[in-house]
Amino acid sequence: MVYVERLNLDNIELTKYLFFTGKGGVGKTSLSSSIAVNLADQGKRIALVSTDPASNLQDIFNMSLTNELTQVPALPNLYVANFEPVKAAEAYKQSVIEPYIGVLPEFAIKNMEEQLSGSCTVEVAAFNEFTSFLTNETLADEYDHIIFDTAPTGHTLRMLELPEAWSSYLESATHEASCLGQLSGLGEQQSTYFAAVERLKNEKETTMIFVARGDKYSLLEAERAMHELNALQINHHLLIINGLINHADSELAKEKRNASDRALQQFESLMKKVPTFYVELKPYNVMGLDAMRHLFSEYEHIESSEDIKLTDNYMHLELLVDELVREEKRYIFTMGKGGVGKTTIASLIAEKLVARNKKVLLATTDPANQWHDKHQFNNLTIKYIDPKQALADYEAEVLRNADQLTQEQIDYIKEDLSSPCTEEIAFFRAFSNFIADTAHDVVVIDTAPTGHTLLLLDASQSYHKEIERSTNEVPQSVSMLLPKILDNTLTEMIIVTLAEPTPVNEAMRLKEDLERASIKQNRWVVNNTIANYDVHDALFSHKIMNERKVINDLLHDKLSVTLLPYDPKLI
């Protein structure tokens, strides 16, 4: 294993404000909670706040939580709060739109509503919630450490640094940028936001703690986030690799340890620049004070007391592909959070369709997806879409008439264009020609649109109808894109997830998002699972039982679930 030091709180100088960030499912809540408990045990007065929509903070402490700090009964020094950013985002959206109702045309209000329905608004609303914690000097005096489970992204922070430009910009804009107006509710609070951002930059007060697993994707996400924050002069970073295996007592444990070692070796240069620590994989869920107190201790041998049987009505990938062929699906999307394996699943589906004599076009954004030998498949065409180039082309299109705008408005548009939502739209504009393709039987795309993006495209098309008389900007391939995606007889959206609570909760939100756009979604692939392993291993027996429970719950929800077993060659 690449050498990194075991996390020991006694050997780390911690600042007052600690922000935990990282991909879903890497263990941010478990780590932040365990650090809070251990510091409270040392006599420190701690405030722990979660802003994660998928937070299980209430389950970890087995108590009801609100957005007000509440004392943990068994720990007089620890106070916990759980913000609800989705609810906050809805209230924020309504407060922004209300002044324009009756003033702007209905199509403009509809466009605003959808623009304010995405993840960017949730981020800003979450930041709205905890800025009081960052700038409240009374709280600073009262607590030794204030810990946040989930930090704001670089995109959100950059948006908050920009001057307010919504009102004048709305009157002149004629494009469908995806996250317009998130700052429109800043108003008098703008000075508070600026003070909060300045506190984040203060290395003596704030530490950004990046959590990753021993896998390439979560480490890439941590590295990307560090670059984003560095660009904002938020430079005080710490990296924790969660769930490393030191004691491999079975072939499965050895395989997983070797896979994590390979991933860590790819990021040695990163770990030399940033203080890096590891937390050992535990054979139990981190729930309750006792588990949190021992998370940073040496490995303990604990036998699993559960015996959960895996429900047998799941499918294998071969059967899923048979169904897609039988239903004559023309467009197949794999969707899910980064790192769950949607590109791998898209590639496997494409290859199995070719084996069934289908001519397939695979559109991918992942140039590194070269584990298969594409030369073996005569009927498989692979086309790579460069997301950066697609975004640059889209930005050029949007800013074509920039000479009519102020520099303030241009800066705002450019920041809006850097949002994840806009990246999706740019990607779909780039592959609209693939959807119009008639030379292939099936088109498989490894990144699917969220319901928010689809509704945004719909709002944008409505907007274009209003100005079409003078602009006529919409290519035919783009105008045909949305109807084909929304046609359930032609298109299949396959959600890819892992058999863990956080990725499943995030996937459920994706499903709800699609259904909000009138897309029926029922097919799921649970990737990289060990649920069907029969391994009596002190380290993995608990994990196998937990994965079986997650999968059984999905099947109980009457979803069509395909299992793809863990395969180190596909990691």
Protein backbone atom coordinates (compact mmCIF):
# COMPACT_ATOMS: atom_id res chain seq x y z
CA MET A 1 0.00 0.00 0.00
CA VAL A 2 1.18 3.52 -0.75
CA TYR A 3 2.25 4.88 2.60
CA VAL A 4 -0.12 7.33 4.25
CA GLU A 5 -0.42 7.97 7.96
CA ARG A 6 -3.30 6.64 10.06
CA LEU A 7 -5.62 9.44 11.15
CA ASN A 8 -4.88 10.39 14.75
CA LEU A 9 -6.57 13.52 16.08
CA ASP A 10 -3.84 13.99 18.67
CA ASN A 11 -1.29 14.61 15.91
CA ILE A 12 -3.30 17.10 13.82
CA GLU A 13 -3.68 20.81 14.50
CA LEU A 14 -7.32 21.49 13.73
CA THR A 15 -8.72 24.91 12.87
CA LYS A 16 -12.00 26.24 14.28
CA TYR A 17 -13.96 25.65 11.05
CA LEU A 18 -13.75 22.18 9.44
CA PHE A 19 -15.51 21.49 6.14
CA PHE A 20 -15.92 17.90 4.88
CA THR A 21 -16.43 17.45 1.15
CA GLY A 22 -16.26 14.56 -1.34
CA LYS A 23 -18.34 12.30 -3.56
CA GLY A 24 -21.53 10.75 -2.26
CA GLY A 25 -20.98 7.56 -0.30
CA VAL A 26 -17.31 8.12 0.64
CA GLY A 27 -18.13 8.51 4.33
CA LYS A 28 -18.19 12.27 4.94
CA THR A 29 -20.95 12.06 7.55
CA SER A 30 -19.37 9.12 9.39
CA LEU A 31 -15.97 10.82 9.54
CA SER A 32 -17.22 14.29 10.50
CA SER A 33 -19.47 12.79 13.19
CA SER A 34 -16.70 10.58 14.58
CA ILE A 35 -14.28 13.50 14.74
CA ALA A 36 -16.96 15.59 16.48
CA VAL A 37 -17.57 12.86 19.07
CA ASN A 38 -13.88 12.29 19.76
CA LEU A 39 -13.20 16.01 20.13
CA ALA A 40 -16.18 16.35 22.48
CA ASP A 41 -14.79 13.45 24.54
CA GLN A 42 -11.57 15.48 24.88
CA GLY A 43 -13.56 18.28 26.51
CA LYS A 44 -13.88 20.48 23.41
CA ARG A 45 -17.19 22.23 22.76
CA ILE A 46 -18.33 21.19 19.27
CA ALA A 47 -21.03 22.25 16.80
CA LEU A 48 -21.70 19.75 13.98
CA VAL A 49 -23.87 20.87 11.06
CA SER A 50 -24.94 18.85 8.02
CA THR A 51 -26.02 20.53 4.78
CA ASP A 52 -26.17 17.30 2.77
CA PRO A 53 -29.62 16.49 1.28
CA ALA A 54 -28.75 12.77 1.67
CA SER A 55 -27.48 13.11 5.23
CA ASN A 56 -28.05 10.27 7.68
CA LEU A 57 -26.90 12.34 10.65
CA GLN A 58 -30.16 11.64 12.51
CA ASP A 59 -29.64 7.88 12.13
CA ILE A 60 -26.02 8.05 13.26
CA PHE A 61 -26.95 9.82 16.50
CA ASN A 62 -30.37 8.17 16.81
CA MET A 63 -32.12 11.47 17.54
CA SER A 64 -34.43 13.93 15.78
CA LEU A 65 -32.65 16.97 14.39
CA THR A 66 -33.67 20.36 13.00
CA ASN A 67 -31.80 23.34 11.61
CA GLU A 68 -31.25 24.49 15.21
CA LEU A 69 -28.30 23.16 17.19
CA THR A 70 -29.43 20.42 19.59
CA GLN A 71 -27.34 18.85 22.34
CA VAL A 72 -26.54 15.15 22.00
CA PRO A 73 -27.99 13.71 25.25
CA ALA A 74 -24.97 11.58 26.18
CA LEU A 75 -22.44 14.25 25.20
CA PRO A 76 -22.92 17.65 26.87
CA ASN A 77 -20.18 19.19 24.69
CA LEU A 78 -21.65 18.20 21.32
CA TYR A 79 -24.45 20.09 19.56
CA VAL A 80 -25.82 18.91 16.19
CA ALA A 81 -28.01 20.46 13.48
CA ASN A 82 -29.30 19.06 10.18
CA PHE A 83 -30.20 21.65 7.54
CA GLU A 84 -32.69 20.74 4.82
CA PRO A 85 -31.29 22.48 1.73
CA VAL A 86 -33.96 21.10 -0.63
CA LYS A 87 -36.73 22.77 1.39
CA ALA A 88 -34.61 25.88 1.75
CA ALA A 89 -34.07 25.92 -2.02
CA GLU A 90 -37.82 25.76 -2.66
CA ALA A 91 -38.46 28.70 -0.33
CA TYR A 92 -35.55 30.56 -1.90
CA LYS A 93 -36.90 29.94 -5.40
CA GLN A 94 -40.34 31.26 -4.50
CA SER A 95 -38.88 34.40 -2.91
CA VAL A 96 -36.90 35.11 -6.09
CA ILE A 97 -39.78 34.53 -8.53
CA GLU A 98 -42.55 36.29 -6.63
CA PRO A 99 -41.55 39.89 -7.55
CA TYR A 100 -41.71 39.01 -11.27
CA ILE A 101 -45.16 37.37 -11.29
CA GLY A 102 -47.51 39.58 -13.26
CA VAL A 103 -44.59 41.65 -14.51
CA LEU A 104 -42.87 39.24 -16.90
CA PRO A 105 -44.59 37.03 -19.52
CA GLU A 106 -45.70 33.56 -18.44
CA PHE A 107 -43.04 31.82 -20.56
CA ALA A 108 -40.31 33.87 -18.81
CA ILE A 109 -41.68 32.93 -15.37
CA LYS A 110 -41.72 29.27 -16.42
CA ASN A 111 -38.11 29.53 -17.57
CA MET A 112 -37.09 31.19 -14.28
CA GLU A 113 -38.83 28.48 -12.24
CA GLU A 114 -36.96 25.70 -13.99
CA GLN A 115 -33.67 27.56 -13.92
CA LEU A 116 -34.09 27.80 -10.14
CA SER A 117 -34.99 24.11 -9.73
CA GLY A 118 -31.54 22.61 -10.19
CA SER A 119 -28.72 21.54 -7.92
CA CYS A 120 -27.03 24.95 -8.17
CA THR A 121 -29.96 26.58 -6.39
CA VAL A 122 -29.80 23.91 -3.68
CA GLU A 123 -26.12 24.74 -3.20
CA VAL A 124 -26.80 28.45 -2.89
CA ALA A 125 -29.74 27.83 -0.52
CA ALA A 126 -27.53 25.59 1.62
CA PHE A 127 -24.87 28.27 1.71
CA ASN A 128 -27.62 30.71 2.64
CA GLU A 129 -28.38 28.50 5.66
CA PHE A 130 -24.91 28.16 7.10
CA THR A 131 -23.40 31.58 6.41
CA SER A 132 -24.79 32.64 9.78
CA PHE A 133 -22.63 29.96 11.39
CA LEU A 134 -19.57 31.19 9.55
CA THR A 135 -20.04 34.87 10.36
CA ASN A 136 -21.70 34.67 13.80
CA GLU A 137 -19.09 35.80 16.29
CA THR A 138 -21.19 34.65 19.26
CA LEU A 139 -21.06 31.07 17.94
CA ALA A 140 -17.35 31.45 17.28
CA ASP A 141 -16.80 32.36 20.91
CA GLU A 142 -19.08 29.61 22.19
CA TYR A 143 -17.58 26.63 20.29
CA ASP A 144 -14.02 25.37 19.96
CA HIS A 145 -14.76 23.80 16.56
CA ILE A 146 -17.63 24.20 14.11
CA ILE A 147 -17.79 21.22 11.74
CA PHE A 148 -19.72 21.18 8.46
CA ASP A 149 -20.67 17.89 6.79
CA THR A 150 -20.50 18.94 3.09
CA ALA A 151 -18.73 22.06 1.91
CA PRO A 152 -19.84 24.50 -0.81
CA THR A 153 -18.44 23.77 -4.25
CA GLY A 154 -16.08 26.12 -6.04
CA HIS A 155 -18.87 26.97 -8.49
CA THR A 156 -21.16 28.13 -5.68
CA LEU A 157 -18.42 30.20 -4.07
CA ARG A 158 -17.52 31.86 -7.37
CA MET A 159 -21.17 32.74 -7.93
CA LEU A 160 -21.40 34.29 -4.47
CA GLU A 161 -18.34 36.43 -5.17
CA LEU A 162 -19.94 38.01 -8.24
CA PRO A 163 -21.98 41.24 -8.09
CA GLU A 164 -25.73 40.89 -8.35
CA ALA A 165 -26.75 41.27 -11.99
CA TRP A 166 -30.00 39.35 -12.32
CA SER A 167 -32.55 42.09 -12.89
CA SER A 168 -30.80 43.91 -15.71
CA TYR A 169 -29.44 40.68 -17.19
CA LEU A 170 -32.87 39.04 -17.39
CA GLU A 171 -34.17 41.88 -19.55
CA SER A 172 -31.42 41.44 -22.16
CA ALA A 173 -30.65 37.70 -22.15
CA THR A 174 -31.89 35.55 -25.05
CA HIS A 175 -30.20 32.24 -24.25
CA GLU A 176 -31.01 29.26 -22.11
CA ALA A 177 -28.16 29.29 -19.59
CA SER A 178 -29.08 26.84 -16.93
CA CYS A 179 -28.61 28.41 -13.55
CA LEU A 180 -29.63 32.02 -14.05
CA GLY A 181 -30.81 33.92 -11.05
CA GLN A 182 -29.36 31.98 -8.14
CA LEU A 183 -27.93 35.26 -6.87
CA SER A 184 -31.10 37.24 -7.39
CA GLY A 185 -32.09 36.85 -3.75
CA LEU A 186 -28.83 38.06 -2.27
CA GLY A 187 -29.95 41.61 -1.62
CA GLU A 188 -28.91 42.89 1.78
CA GLN A 189 -27.19 39.59 2.67
CA GLN A 190 -24.49 40.08 0.07
CA SER A 191 -22.05 41.55 2.59
CA THR A 192 -22.61 38.48 4.81
CA TYR A 193 -21.77 36.19 1.91
CA PHE A 194 -18.59 38.08 1.19
CA ALA A 195 -17.56 37.85 4.85
CA ALA A 196 -18.22 34.10 4.79
CA VAL A 197 -16.09 33.60 1.68
CA GLU A 198 -13.27 35.59 3.29
CA ARG A 199 -13.45 33.35 6.36
CA LEU A 200 -13.16 30.29 4.12
CA LYS A 201 -9.95 31.76 2.69
CA ASN A 202 -8.41 32.27 6.13
CA GLU A 203 -5.99 29.34 6.60
CA LYS A 204 -5.73 29.95 10.34
CA GLU A 205 -9.47 29.56 10.78
CA THR A 206 -10.66 27.10 8.10
CA THR A 207 -9.64 23.66 6.81
CA MET A 208 -11.22 21.93 3.82
CA ILE A 209 -11.13 18.18 4.47
CA PHE A 210 -11.52 16.10 1.30
CA VAL A 211 -12.80 12.56 1.82
CA ALA A 212 -12.14 9.82 -0.76
CA ARG A 213 -12.08 6.05 -0.99
CA GLY A 214 -9.21 4.04 -2.38
CA ASP A 215 -10.60 4.29 -5.91
CA LYS A 216 -9.76 6.41 -8.93
CA TYR A 217 -13.07 8.23 -9.21
CA SER A 218 -13.38 9.57 -5.68
CA LEU A 219 -9.71 10.59 -5.72
CA LEU A 220 -10.21 12.38 -9.04
CA GLU A 221 -13.18 14.23 -7.56
CA ALA A 222 -11.11 15.30 -4.54
CA GLU A 223 -8.30 16.49 -6.81
CA ARG A 224 -10.73 18.44 -9.03
CA ALA A 225 -12.36 20.09 -6.01
CA MET A 226 -8.97 21.10 -4.63
CA HIS A 227 -8.09 22.81 -7.93
CA GLU A 228 -11.42 24.65 -7.90
CA LEU A 229 -10.88 25.94 -4.37
CA ASN A 230 -7.23 26.79 -4.98
CA ALA A 231 -8.40 29.09 -7.77
CA LEU A 232 -10.42 30.95 -5.11
CA GLN A 233 -7.46 31.20 -2.71
CA ILE A 234 -9.02 28.59 -0.41
CA ASN A 235 -5.81 26.66 0.08
CA HIS A 236 -5.85 24.96 3.49
CA HIS A 237 -6.56 21.34 2.53
CA LEU A 238 -6.40 17.91 4.13
CA LEU A 239 -7.14 14.55 2.48
CA ILE A 240 -8.59 11.50 4.24
CA ILE A 241 -8.68 8.13 2.45
CA ASN A 242 -11.55 6.27 4.06
CA GLY A 243 -12.01 2.50 4.26
CA LEU A 244 -8.52 1.18 3.50
CA ILE A 245 -7.81 -2.50 4.17
CA ASN A 246 -4.79 -3.42 6.27
CA HIS A 247 -5.75 -6.96 7.26
CA ALA A 248 -6.77 -9.06 4.25
CA ASP A 249 -8.13 -12.39 5.54
CA SER A 250 -9.78 -13.58 2.32
CA GLU A 251 -9.29 -13.51 -1.43
CA LEU A 252 -12.00 -10.85 -1.70
CA ALA A 253 -10.19 -8.64 0.84
CA LYS A 254 -6.88 -9.14 -0.97
CA GLU A 255 -8.43 -8.24 -4.32
CA LYS A 256 -9.95 -5.06 -2.91
CA ARG A 257 -6.74 -4.06 -1.15
CA ASN A 258 -4.72 -4.54 -4.34
CA ALA A 259 -7.26 -2.47 -6.31
CA SER A 260 -7.05 0.41 -3.81
CA ASP A 261 -3.24 0.23 -3.83
CA ARG A 262 -3.24 0.64 -7.61
CA ALA A 263 -5.54 3.64 -7.37
CA LEU A 264 -3.49 5.31 -4.64
CA GLN A 265 -0.29 4.87 -6.63
CA GLN A 266 -1.84 6.99 -9.41
CA PHE A 267 -2.27 9.86 -6.94
CA GLU A 268 1.07 9.79 -5.14
CA SER A 269 1.96 13.28 -6.36
CA LEU A 270 -1.30 14.65 -4.92
CA MET A 271 -0.69 12.99 -1.56
CA LYS A 272 2.81 14.45 -1.40
CA LYS A 273 1.38 17.97 -1.78
CA VAL A 274 -1.57 17.63 0.62
CA PRO A 275 -1.42 16.18 4.16
CA THR A 276 -3.02 12.76 3.72
CA PHE A 277 -4.33 10.30 6.31
CA TYR A 278 -6.26 7.07 6.16
CA VAL A 279 -9.04 5.45 8.16
CA GLU A 280 -9.18 1.68 8.18
CA LEU A 281 -12.21 -0.17 6.84
CA LYS A 282 -14.42 -1.37 9.67
CA PRO A 283 -16.63 -4.47 9.56
CA TYR A 284 -19.64 -2.60 10.94
CA ASN A 285 -21.81 0.43 10.20
CA VAL A 286 -20.76 3.62 11.96
CA MET A 287 -23.93 4.12 14.00
CA GLY A 288 -24.01 5.16 17.64
CA LEU A 289 -21.47 6.80 19.92
CA ASP A 290 -19.46 3.65 20.60
CA ALA A 291 -18.85 2.98 16.89
CA MET A 292 -17.85 6.61 16.32
CA ARG A 293 -15.43 6.59 19.24
CA HIS A 294 -13.60 3.58 17.78
CA LEU A 295 -13.59 4.53 14.10
CA PHE A 296 -9.95 5.66 14.19
CA SER A 297 -8.70 2.73 16.24
CA GLU A 298 -7.03 -0.48 15.07
CA TYR A 299 -8.95 -3.19 13.24
CA GLU A 300 -11.25 -5.34 15.38
CA HIS A 301 -12.46 -8.83 14.50
CA ILE A 302 -16.27 -8.85 14.73
CA GLU A 303 -18.45 -11.65 13.42
CA SER A 304 -21.67 -10.74 11.65
CA SER A 305 -24.78 -11.67 13.61
CA GLU A 306 -27.16 -11.17 10.66
CA ASP A 307 -28.12 -13.67 8.01
CA ILE A 308 -30.00 -11.81 5.27
CA LYS A 309 -30.89 -13.78 2.16
CA LEU A 310 -30.72 -12.01 -1.19
CA THR A 311 -34.11 -11.94 -2.91
CA ASP A 312 -33.76 -13.98 -6.10
CA ASN A 313 -35.89 -11.89 -8.48
CA TYR A 314 -33.04 -9.67 -9.66
CA MET A 315 -31.70 -9.88 -13.22
CA HIS A 316 -28.33 -10.46 -14.82
CA LEU A 317 -27.07 -8.06 -17.48
CA GLU A 318 -27.73 -10.56 -20.29
CA LEU A 319 -31.44 -10.64 -19.44
CA LEU A 320 -31.61 -6.83 -19.25
CA VAL A 321 -30.15 -6.54 -22.75
CA ASP A 322 -32.60 -9.19 -24.01
CA GLU A 323 -35.47 -7.05 -22.72
CA LEU A 324 -34.09 -3.90 -24.34
CA VAL A 325 -33.88 -5.73 -27.67
CA ARG A 326 -37.36 -7.19 -27.34
CA GLU A 327 -38.81 -3.76 -26.58
CA GLU A 328 -36.92 -2.29 -29.56
CA LYS A 329 -35.39 0.53 -27.55
CA ARG A 330 -33.64 2.98 -29.87
CA TYR A 331 -31.88 5.25 -27.33
CA ILE A 332 -30.37 3.86 -24.13
CA PHE A 333 -28.94 6.20 -21.49
CA THR A 334 -27.02 5.22 -18.38
CA MET A 335 -27.27 7.78 -15.62
CA GLY A 336 -26.01 8.16 -12.08
CA LYS A 337 -23.60 10.03 -9.86
CA GLY A 338 -19.94 10.13 -10.83
CA GLY A 339 -18.00 7.02 -9.92
CA VAL A 340 -20.87 4.51 -9.86
CA GLY A 341 -19.78 3.01 -13.20
CA LYS A 342 -22.26 4.32 -15.74
CA THR A 343 -19.62 4.42 -18.50
CA THR A 344 -18.71 0.79 -17.83
CA ILE A 345 -22.36 -0.26 -17.90
CA ALA A 346 -22.99 1.68 -21.14
CA SER A 347 -20.01 -0.05 -22.77
CA LEU A 348 -21.10 -3.51 -21.62
CA ILE A 349 -24.65 -2.94 -22.88
CA ALA A 350 -23.32 -1.70 -26.25
CA GLU A 351 -21.12 -4.75 -26.68
CA LYS A 352 -23.91 -7.17 -25.76
CA LEU A 353 -26.24 -5.46 -28.24
CA VAL A 354 -23.60 -5.95 -30.96
CA ALA A 355 -23.45 -9.63 -29.99
CA ARG A 356 -27.19 -9.71 -30.75
CA ASN A 357 -26.55 -8.43 -34.29
CA LYS A 358 -27.41 -4.82 -33.58
CA LYS A 359 -25.49 -1.95 -35.16
CA VAL A 360 -24.64 0.30 -32.23
CA LEU A 361 -23.35 3.84 -31.76
CA LEU A 362 -21.78 4.38 -28.32
CA ALA A 363 -21.42 8.06 -27.36
CA THR A 364 -19.07 8.54 -24.44
CA THR A 365 -17.46 11.41 -22.56
CA ASP A 366 -14.78 9.16 -21.05
CA PRO A 367 -11.63 8.91 -23.21
CA ALA A 368 -10.05 6.60 -20.62
CA ASN A 369 -12.69 3.93 -21.14
CA GLN A 370 -10.43 1.64 -23.15
CA TRP A 371 -10.56 -1.57 -21.14
CA HIS A 372 -12.40 -3.31 -24.00
CA ASP A 373 -10.91 -3.97 -27.42
CA LYS A 374 -13.18 -1.98 -29.71
CA HIS A 375 -11.56 -3.51 -32.79
CA GLN A 376 -13.33 -6.79 -32.02
CA PHE A 377 -16.74 -5.26 -32.70
CA ASN A 378 -17.37 -4.50 -36.35
CA ASN A 379 -20.87 -3.14 -35.72
CA LEU A 380 -19.85 -0.87 -32.82
CA THR A 381 -19.01 2.78 -33.48
CA ILE A 382 -17.52 4.70 -30.55
CA LYS A 383 -17.65 8.48 -30.61
CA TYR A 384 -16.04 10.57 -27.92
CA ILE A 385 -17.60 13.90 -26.99
CA ASP A 386 -15.15 16.28 -25.34
CA PRO A 387 -17.24 18.01 -22.62
CA LYS A 388 -14.81 20.95 -22.44
CA GLN A 389 -15.01 21.55 -26.18
CA ALA A 390 -18.81 21.20 -26.12
CA LEU A 391 -18.99 23.75 -23.33
CA ALA A 392 -16.61 26.11 -25.15
CA ASP A 393 -18.75 25.90 -28.31
CA TYR A 394 -21.89 26.56 -26.31
CA GLU A 395 -20.29 29.49 -24.49
CA ALA A 396 -19.26 31.02 -27.82
CA GLU A 397 -22.84 30.68 -29.04
CA VAL A 398 -24.30 32.28 -25.90
CA LEU A 399 -21.81 35.15 -25.88
CA ARG A 400 -22.11 35.85 -29.58
CA ASN A 401 -23.89 39.14 -28.83
CA ALA A 402 -21.79 40.03 -25.78
CA ASP A 403 -21.06 43.50 -27.13
CA GLN A 404 -24.59 44.43 -26.10
CA LEU A 405 -23.93 43.52 -22.44
CA THR A 406 -22.02 45.14 -19.59
CA GLN A 407 -18.85 43.50 -18.24
CA GLU A 408 -20.75 42.68 -15.04
CA GLN A 409 -23.38 40.80 -17.04
CA ILE A 410 -20.73 38.98 -19.09
CA ASP A 411 -18.94 37.84 -15.90
CA TYR A 412 -22.22 36.57 -14.52
CA ILE A 413 -23.07 34.67 -17.70
CA LYS A 414 -19.62 33.06 -17.79
CA GLU A 415 -20.00 31.85 -14.21
CA ASP A 416 -23.48 30.57 -15.00
CA LEU A 417 -21.99 28.67 -17.93
CA SER A 418 -19.53 26.89 -15.62
CA SER A 419 -22.33 25.20 -13.70
CA PRO A 420 -22.94 21.42 -13.91
CA CYS A 421 -26.40 22.13 -15.34
CA THR A 422 -25.00 24.08 -18.27
CA GLU A 423 -22.41 21.38 -18.90
CA GLU A 424 -25.30 18.94 -19.38
CA ILE A 425 -27.05 21.22 -21.85
CA ALA A 426 -23.83 21.78 -23.81
CA PHE A 427 -23.30 18.03 -23.93
CA PHE A 428 -26.82 17.42 -25.24
CA ARG A 429 -26.44 20.10 -27.86
CA ALA A 430 -23.24 18.31 -28.98
CA PHE A 431 -24.83 14.88 -29.23
CA SER A 432 -28.12 16.00 -30.78
CA ASN A 433 -26.70 14.88 -34.12
CA PHE A 434 -26.19 11.39 -32.66
CA ILE A 435 -29.86 11.24 -31.69
CA ALA A 436 -30.71 12.18 -35.28
CA ASP A 437 -28.49 9.31 -36.50
CA THR A 438 -30.23 6.74 -38.72
CA ALA A 439 -27.19 4.61 -39.62
CA HIS A 440 -27.37 2.56 -36.38
CA ASP A 441 -30.03 0.39 -34.77
CA VAL A 442 -29.32 1.62 -31.23
CA VAL A 443 -27.60 4.66 -29.74
CA VAL A 444 -26.12 4.15 -26.24
CA ILE A 445 -25.09 7.27 -24.29
CA ASP A 446 -23.11 7.04 -21.08
CA THR A 447 -24.45 10.27 -19.58
CA ALA A 448 -28.18 10.84 -19.29
CA PRO A 449 -30.06 14.09 -18.81
CA THR A 450 -31.57 14.82 -15.42
CA GLY A 451 -35.21 15.81 -15.25
CA HIS A 452 -34.06 19.34 -14.48
CA THR A 453 -32.06 19.49 -17.72
CA LEU A 454 -34.96 18.10 -19.73
CA LEU A 455 -37.40 20.58 -18.27
CA LEU A 456 -34.88 23.33 -18.82
CA LEU A 457 -34.52 22.32 -22.47
CA ASP A 458 -38.30 22.32 -22.70
CA ALA A 459 -38.50 25.79 -21.17
CA SER A 460 -35.74 26.95 -23.49
CA GLN A 461 -37.57 25.63 -26.53
CA SER A 462 -40.70 27.46 -25.37
CA TYR A 463 -38.59 30.56 -24.99
CA HIS A 464 -37.15 30.12 -28.48
CA LYS A 465 -40.65 29.84 -29.90
CA GLU A 466 -41.32 33.33 -28.58
CA ILE A 467 -38.27 34.81 -30.33
CA GLU A 468 -38.11 32.47 -33.32
CA ARG A 469 -39.59 35.09 -35.64
CA SER A 470 -36.43 37.18 -35.30
CA THR A 471 -33.69 34.64 -34.43
CA ASN A 472 -34.47 31.25 -35.96
CA GLU A 473 -31.47 29.79 -34.05
CA VAL A 474 -32.61 26.26 -33.26
CA PRO A 475 -31.09 23.54 -35.48
CA GLN A 476 -33.46 20.76 -36.54
CA SER A 477 -31.43 18.15 -34.67
CA VAL A 478 -31.87 20.15 -31.46
CA SER A 479 -35.61 20.67 -31.96
CA MET A 480 -36.01 16.89 -32.47
CA LEU A 481 -33.87 16.02 -29.44
CA LEU A 482 -36.34 16.52 -26.62
CA PRO A 483 -39.36 14.74 -28.16
CA LYS A 484 -37.25 11.63 -28.84
CA ILE A 485 -35.79 11.58 -25.31
CA LEU A 486 -39.25 12.00 -23.78
CA ASP A 487 -40.72 9.13 -25.84
CA ASN A 488 -40.71 6.13 -23.48
CA THR A 489 -41.24 3.71 -26.36
CA LEU A 490 -37.97 4.82 -27.95
CA THR A 491 -35.83 5.74 -24.95
CA GLU A 492 -34.71 3.87 -21.84
CA MET A 493 -33.11 5.65 -18.88
CA ILE A 494 -31.10 3.18 -16.79
CA ILE A 495 -30.01 4.36 -13.36
CA VAL A 496 -26.66 2.98 -12.18
CA THR A 497 -25.90 2.92 -8.46
CA LEU A 498 -23.96 1.08 -5.76
CA ALA A 499 -25.54 -1.04 -3.02
CA GLU A 500 -25.02 1.63 -0.38
CA PRO A 501 -27.56 3.98 1.25
CA THR A 502 -26.12 7.32 0.07
CA PRO A 503 -25.73 6.43 -3.66
CA VAL A 504 -29.20 4.83 -3.59
CA ASN A 505 -30.74 7.94 -1.99
CA GLU A 506 -29.09 10.10 -4.64
CA ALA A 507 -30.32 7.73 -7.36
CA MET A 508 -33.87 7.96 -5.97
CA ARG A 509 -33.69 11.73 -6.35
CA LEU A 510 -32.58 11.25 -9.97
CA LYS A 511 -35.58 8.98 -10.53
CA GLU A 512 -37.94 11.58 -9.04
CA ASP A 513 -36.25 14.23 -11.17
CA LEU A 514 -36.90 12.27 -14.36
CA GLU A 515 -40.49 11.54 -13.41
CA ARG A 516 -40.98 15.26 -12.85
CA ALA A 517 -40.20 15.53 -16.58
CA SER A 518 -42.79 12.78 -17.35
CA ILE A 519 -40.19 10.06 -17.93
CA LYS A 520 -41.15 6.73 -16.43
CA GLN A 521 -38.03 5.21 -14.89
CA ASN A 522 -37.89 1.67 -13.56
CA ARG A 523 -34.65 -0.06 -14.62
CA TRP A 524 -31.68 0.04 -12.26
CA VAL A 525 -28.24 -1.54 -12.36
CA VAL A 526 -26.53 -2.12 -9.01
CA ASN A 527 -22.87 -2.09 -9.95
CA ASN A 528 -19.81 -3.54 -8.28
CA THR A 529 -21.79 -5.50 -5.70
CA ILE A 530 -20.58 -8.30 -3.42
CA ALA A 531 -24.13 -9.15 -2.28
CA ASN A 532 -24.09 -12.52 -4.06
CA TYR A 533 -20.69 -13.50 -2.63
CA ASP A 534 -20.65 -16.32 -0.08
CA VAL A 535 -17.63 -15.14 1.89
CA HIS A 536 -17.33 -15.77 5.61
CA ASP A 537 -14.90 -12.95 6.16
CA ALA A 538 -14.69 -10.95 9.38
CA LEU A 539 -14.31 -7.76 7.37
CA PHE A 540 -16.90 -8.26 4.64
CA SER A 541 -19.67 -10.39 6.19
CA HIS A 542 -21.37 -7.23 7.50
CA LYS A 543 -20.99 -5.43 4.19
CA ILE A 544 -22.46 -8.37 2.26
CA MET A 545 -25.49 -8.40 4.59
CA ASN A 546 -25.90 -4.62 4.27
CA GLU A 547 -25.74 -4.76 0.46
CA ARG A 548 -28.34 -7.53 0.41
CA LYS A 549 -30.65 -5.39 2.52
CA VAL A 550 -30.25 -2.40 0.17
CA ILE A 551 -30.94 -4.56 -2.92
CA ASN A 552 -33.91 -6.30 -1.30
CA ASP A 553 -35.41 -2.88 -0.48
CA LEU A 554 -35.05 -1.81 -4.14
CA LEU A 555 -36.76 -5.01 -5.29
CA HIS A 556 -39.47 -4.44 -2.71
CA ASP A 557 -40.10 -1.07 -4.39
CA LYS A 558 -40.94 -3.08 -7.54
CA LEU A 559 -37.96 -1.78 -9.48
CA SER A 560 -36.33 -3.85 -12.19
CA VAL A 561 -32.90 -4.47 -10.65
CA THR A 562 -29.87 -5.87 -12.49
CA LEU A 563 -26.83 -6.89 -10.46
CA LEU A 564 -23.30 -6.58 -11.79
CA PRO A 565 -20.94 -8.39 -9.39
CA TYR A 566 -17.67 -6.89 -8.20
CA ASP A 567 -14.92 -7.39 -10.76
CA PRO A 568 -11.48 -5.85 -10.03
CA LYS A 569 -10.77 -5.78 -13.80
CA LEU A 570 -13.58 -3.24 -14.27
CA ILE A 571 -12.46 -0.89 -11.46
